[in-house]
Amino acid sequence: MNNMITPSLDSLTQNNKYNRYTLVIAVAKCARKVTDEYVAQREEAERMLANKETDKSLAALIKKDYRDEKAVRIGINRLSQGEYVIDDSSIQ
């Protein structure tokens, strides 16, 4: 039977270099950054609409990833792709 979870837990833990707890904390921190980025984009889009600087819709002014994906999924993908890295010095 194929593993249906992508990316696999082994690849995320970097072949057991990190435990699941560390992984959960890292994904949560990354998801928080993603949420902050979304909020900043939304505020900018709302400001532009209020000032009539654009005729685009609110959804069109926010990046597709932030609109269509959950923050945790984006965090997992960023960790898997190496865009977000676990800081070894913070692990004790």
N, C-alpha and C. Protein backbone atom coordinates (compact mmCIF):
# COMPACT_ATOMS: atom_id res chain seq x y z
N MET A 1 0.85 -1.18 0.00
CA MET A 1 0.00 0.00 0.00
C MET A 1 0.90 1.25 0.00
N ASN A 2 0.59 2.19 -0.85
CA ASN A 2 1.36 3.43 -0.95
C ASN A 2 1.00 4.38 0.18
N ASN A 3 1.99 5.14 0.58
CA ASN A 3 1.77 6.16 1.59
C ASN A 3 1.00 7.32 0.95
N MET A 4 -0.15 7.66 1.49
CA MET A 4 -1.00 8.69 0.89
C MET A 4 -0.66 10.09 1.40
N ILE A 5 0.17 10.16 2.43
CA ILE A 5 0.53 11.46 2.98
C ILE A 5 1.74 11.99 2.22
N THR A 6 1.59 13.17 1.63
CA THR A 6 2.72 13.79 0.94
C THR A 6 2.95 15.17 1.52
N PRO A 7 4.11 15.52 1.82
CA PRO A 7 5.32 14.71 1.82
C PRO A 7 5.29 13.71 2.98
N SER A 8 6.11 12.67 2.89
CA SER A 8 6.11 11.63 3.91
C SER A 8 6.68 12.16 5.22
N LEU A 9 6.30 11.51 6.30
CA LEU A 9 6.81 11.91 7.61
C LEU A 9 8.31 11.72 7.68
N ASP A 10 8.84 10.67 7.05
CA ASP A 10 10.29 10.45 7.05
C ASP A 10 11.03 11.60 6.38
N SER A 11 10.50 12.09 5.28
CA SER A 11 11.18 13.19 4.60
C SER A 11 11.10 14.48 5.42
N LEU A 12 9.99 14.68 6.10
CA LEU A 12 9.84 15.89 6.92
C LEU A 12 10.74 15.85 8.16
N THR A 13 10.88 14.68 8.75
CA THR A 13 11.74 14.57 9.93
C THR A 13 13.19 14.41 9.52
N GLN A 14 13.43 14.45 8.23
CA GLN A 14 14.77 14.30 7.64
C GLN A 14 15.41 13.03 8.16
N ASN A 15 14.66 11.90 7.91
CA ASN A 15 15.11 10.56 8.30
C ASN A 15 15.46 10.49 9.78
N ASN A 16 14.53 10.95 10.60
CA ASN A 16 14.60 10.89 12.06
C ASN A 16 15.65 11.82 12.67
N LYS A 17 16.10 12.81 11.93
CA LYS A 17 16.98 13.83 12.51
C LYS A 17 16.20 14.65 13.53
N TYR A 18 14.91 14.88 13.23
CA TYR A 18 14.03 15.62 14.12
C TYR A 18 12.87 14.73 14.54
N ASN A 19 12.41 14.90 15.78
CA ASN A 19 11.26 14.11 16.22
C ASN A 19 9.96 14.81 15.81
N ARG A 20 8.86 14.15 16.04
CA ARG A 20 7.56 14.69 15.61
C ARG A 20 7.21 15.99 16.34
N TYR A 21 7.58 16.08 17.60
CA TYR A 21 7.31 17.29 18.37
C TYR A 21 8.00 18.49 17.72
N THR A 22 9.27 18.33 17.37
CA THR A 22 10.02 19.40 16.73
C THR A 22 9.37 19.77 15.40
N LEU A 23 8.92 18.77 14.68
CA LEU A 23 8.26 18.99 13.39
C LEU A 23 6.97 19.79 13.57
N VAL A 24 6.18 19.44 14.57
CA VAL A 24 4.92 20.15 14.82
C VAL A 24 5.19 21.61 15.17
N ILE A 25 6.18 21.85 16.02
CA ILE A 25 6.52 23.22 16.41
C ILE A 25 6.99 24.02 15.19
N ALA A 26 7.83 23.40 14.36
CA ALA A 26 8.35 24.09 13.17
C ALA A 26 7.22 24.44 12.20
N VAL A 27 6.31 23.50 11.97
CA VAL A 27 5.19 23.75 11.06
C VAL A 27 4.28 24.84 11.63
N ALA A 28 4.05 24.81 12.93
CA ALA A 28 3.20 25.83 13.56
C ALA A 28 3.82 27.22 13.43
N LYS A 29 5.13 27.33 13.63
CA LYS A 29 5.81 28.62 13.48
C LYS A 29 5.73 29.12 12.05
N CYS A 30 5.93 28.22 11.10
CA CYS A 30 5.85 28.60 9.70
C CYS A 30 4.43 29.00 9.32
N ALA A 31 3.44 28.27 9.83
CA ALA A 31 2.03 28.59 9.56
C ALA A 31 1.68 29.97 10.11
N ARG A 32 2.26 30.33 11.25
CA ARG A 32 2.02 31.66 11.82
C ARG A 32 2.58 32.74 10.90
N LYS A 33 3.78 32.49 10.34
CA LYS A 33 4.37 33.45 9.40
C LYS A 33 3.49 33.58 8.16
N VAL A 34 2.96 32.46 7.69
CA VAL A 34 2.09 32.47 6.51
C VAL A 34 0.83 33.28 6.81
N THR A 35 0.26 33.08 7.98
CA THR A 35 -0.94 33.84 8.36
C THR A 35 -0.64 35.33 8.44
N ASP A 36 0.51 35.69 8.99
CA ASP A 36 0.91 37.10 9.04
C ASP A 36 1.07 37.69 7.64
N GLU A 37 1.66 36.91 6.72
CA GLU A 37 1.82 37.37 5.33
C GLU A 37 0.46 37.57 4.67
N TYR A 38 -0.47 36.64 4.92
CA TYR A 38 -1.82 36.77 4.37
C TYR A 38 -2.52 38.03 4.89
N VAL A 39 -2.42 38.25 6.20
CA VAL A 39 -3.06 39.42 6.81
C VAL A 39 -2.50 40.71 6.21
N ALA A 40 -1.18 40.76 6.03
CA ALA A 40 -0.56 41.96 5.44
C ALA A 40 -1.05 42.18 4.01
N GLN A 41 -1.14 41.10 3.23
CA GLN A 41 -1.63 41.24 1.85
C GLN A 41 -3.09 41.69 1.84
N ARG A 42 -3.89 41.13 2.72
CA ARG A 42 -5.30 41.49 2.76
C ARG A 42 -5.48 42.95 3.16
N GLU A 43 -4.72 43.40 4.17
CA GLU A 43 -4.82 44.80 4.58
C GLU A 43 -4.43 45.74 3.45
N GLU A 44 -3.37 45.39 2.73
CA GLU A 44 -2.93 46.22 1.60
C GLU A 44 -4.01 46.24 0.50
N ALA A 45 -4.60 45.08 0.23
CA ALA A 45 -5.65 44.99 -0.79
C ALA A 45 -6.87 45.82 -0.38
N GLU A 46 -7.26 45.72 0.88
CA GLU A 46 -8.40 46.49 1.37
C GLU A 46 -8.13 47.99 1.29
N ARG A 47 -6.89 48.40 1.60
CA ARG A 47 -6.52 49.81 1.50
C ARG A 47 -6.62 50.29 0.06
N MET A 48 -6.11 49.46 -0.87
CA MET A 48 -6.17 49.83 -2.29
C MET A 48 -7.61 49.96 -2.77
N LEU A 49 -8.46 49.05 -2.33
CA LEU A 49 -9.88 49.12 -2.72
C LEU A 49 -10.57 50.34 -2.11
N ALA A 50 -10.25 50.63 -0.87
CA ALA A 50 -10.88 51.77 -0.20
C ALA A 50 -10.46 53.09 -0.86
N ASN A 51 -9.23 53.16 -1.32
CA ASN A 51 -8.73 54.37 -1.99
C ASN A 51 -9.00 54.38 -3.49
N LYS A 52 -9.70 53.36 -3.95
CA LYS A 52 -10.06 53.21 -5.37
C LYS A 52 -8.83 53.26 -6.28
N GLU A 53 -7.74 52.60 -5.82
CA GLU A 53 -6.51 52.53 -6.60
C GLU A 53 -6.54 51.40 -7.63
N THR A 54 -7.54 50.53 -7.52
CA THR A 54 -7.64 49.40 -8.44
C THR A 54 -9.10 49.05 -8.64
N ASP A 55 -9.37 48.36 -9.75
CA ASP A 55 -10.72 47.88 -9.99
C ASP A 55 -10.80 46.36 -9.86
N LYS A 56 -9.71 45.73 -9.38
CA LYS A 56 -9.70 44.28 -9.18
C LYS A 56 -10.49 43.93 -7.93
N SER A 57 -10.87 42.65 -7.84
CA SER A 57 -11.57 42.18 -6.64
C SER A 57 -10.56 41.94 -5.53
N LEU A 58 -11.07 41.84 -4.32
CA LEU A 58 -10.21 41.57 -3.16
C LEU A 58 -9.45 40.25 -3.37
N ALA A 59 -10.15 39.22 -3.83
CA ALA A 59 -9.53 37.91 -4.04
C ALA A 59 -8.41 37.98 -5.08
N ALA A 60 -8.57 38.80 -6.08
CA ALA A 60 -7.56 38.91 -7.14
C ALA A 60 -6.29 39.61 -6.65
N LEU A 61 -6.40 40.37 -5.57
CA LEU A 61 -5.25 41.11 -5.05
C LEU A 61 -4.42 40.30 -4.04
N ILE A 62 -4.94 39.13 -3.65
CA ILE A 62 -4.24 38.28 -2.68
C ILE A 62 -3.68 37.07 -3.42
N LYS A 63 -2.42 36.71 -3.12
CA LYS A 63 -1.78 35.58 -3.78
C LYS A 63 -2.64 34.33 -3.68
N LYS A 64 -2.66 33.58 -4.76
CA LYS A 64 -3.50 32.38 -4.86
C LYS A 64 -3.22 31.38 -3.74
N ASP A 65 -1.94 31.17 -3.42
CA ASP A 65 -1.60 30.20 -2.37
C ASP A 65 -2.27 30.57 -1.05
N TYR A 66 -2.24 31.82 -0.69
CA TYR A 66 -2.82 32.26 0.57
C TYR A 66 -4.34 32.14 0.56
N ARG A 67 -4.94 32.36 -0.60
CA ARG A 67 -6.40 32.26 -0.71
C ARG A 67 -6.88 30.83 -0.66
N ASP A 68 -6.18 29.93 -1.36
CA ASP A 68 -6.71 28.60 -1.60
C ASP A 68 -6.19 27.50 -0.68
N GLU A 69 -5.09 27.72 0.01
CA GLU A 69 -4.50 26.70 0.86
C GLU A 69 -4.58 27.12 2.32
N LYS A 70 -4.63 26.14 3.19
CA LYS A 70 -4.59 26.41 4.62
C LYS A 70 -3.15 26.71 5.03
N ALA A 71 -2.98 27.53 6.05
CA ALA A 71 -1.65 27.95 6.49
C ALA A 71 -0.77 26.76 6.88
N VAL A 72 -1.36 25.75 7.52
CA VAL A 72 -0.58 24.57 7.94
C VAL A 72 -0.08 23.81 6.71
N ARG A 73 -0.90 23.67 5.69
CA ARG A 73 -0.48 22.97 4.46
C ARG A 73 0.67 23.74 3.80
N ILE A 74 0.57 25.05 3.75
CA ILE A 74 1.66 25.85 3.17
C ILE A 74 2.92 25.68 4.01
N GLY A 75 2.77 25.66 5.34
CA GLY A 75 3.91 25.46 6.23
C GLY A 75 4.59 24.11 6.00
N ILE A 76 3.81 23.07 5.84
CA ILE A 76 4.35 21.74 5.55
C ILE A 76 5.09 21.75 4.22
N ASN A 77 4.50 22.35 3.22
CA ASN A 77 5.14 22.40 1.90
C ASN A 77 6.44 23.19 1.95
N ARG A 78 6.45 24.32 2.65
CA ARG A 78 7.67 25.12 2.75
C ARG A 78 8.77 24.36 3.47
N LEU A 79 8.42 23.65 4.52
CA LEU A 79 9.40 22.85 5.24
C LEU A 79 9.94 21.73 4.35
N SER A 80 9.06 21.09 3.63
CA SER A 80 9.46 20.00 2.73
C SER A 80 10.37 20.49 1.61
N GLN A 81 10.08 21.66 1.08
CA GLN A 81 10.84 22.20 -0.06
C GLN A 81 12.09 22.96 0.36
N GLY A 82 12.32 23.08 1.66
CA GLY A 82 13.50 23.75 2.16
C GLY A 82 13.39 25.26 2.22
N GLU A 83 12.19 25.80 1.97
CA GLU A 83 11.99 27.25 2.05
C GLU A 83 11.96 27.71 3.50
N TYR A 84 11.59 26.81 4.39
CA TYR A 84 11.59 27.07 5.83
C TYR A 84 12.46 25.99 6.46
N VAL A 85 13.41 26.39 7.30
CA VAL A 85 14.40 25.46 7.83
C VAL A 85 14.31 25.45 9.36
N ILE A 86 14.43 24.26 9.93
CA ILE A 86 14.44 24.12 11.37
C ILE A 86 15.83 24.53 11.87
N ASP A 87 15.85 25.44 12.84
CA ASP A 87 17.12 25.94 13.40
C ASP A 87 17.59 24.96 14.47
N ASP A 88 18.68 24.25 14.19
CA ASP A 88 19.20 23.25 15.12
C ASP A 88 19.60 23.84 16.46
N SER A 89 20.00 25.10 16.49
CA SER A 89 20.44 25.71 17.74
C SER A 89 19.27 25.93 18.71
N SER A 90 18.04 25.93 18.20
CA SER A 90 16.88 26.14 19.06
C SER A 90 16.38 24.84 19.69
N ILE A 91 16.94 23.72 19.26
CA ILE A 91 16.52 22.41 19.76
C ILE A 91 17.46 21.99 20.88
N GLN A 92 16.88 21.64 22.01
CA GLN A 92 17.72 21.20 23.14
C GLN A 92 17.28 19.87 23.65
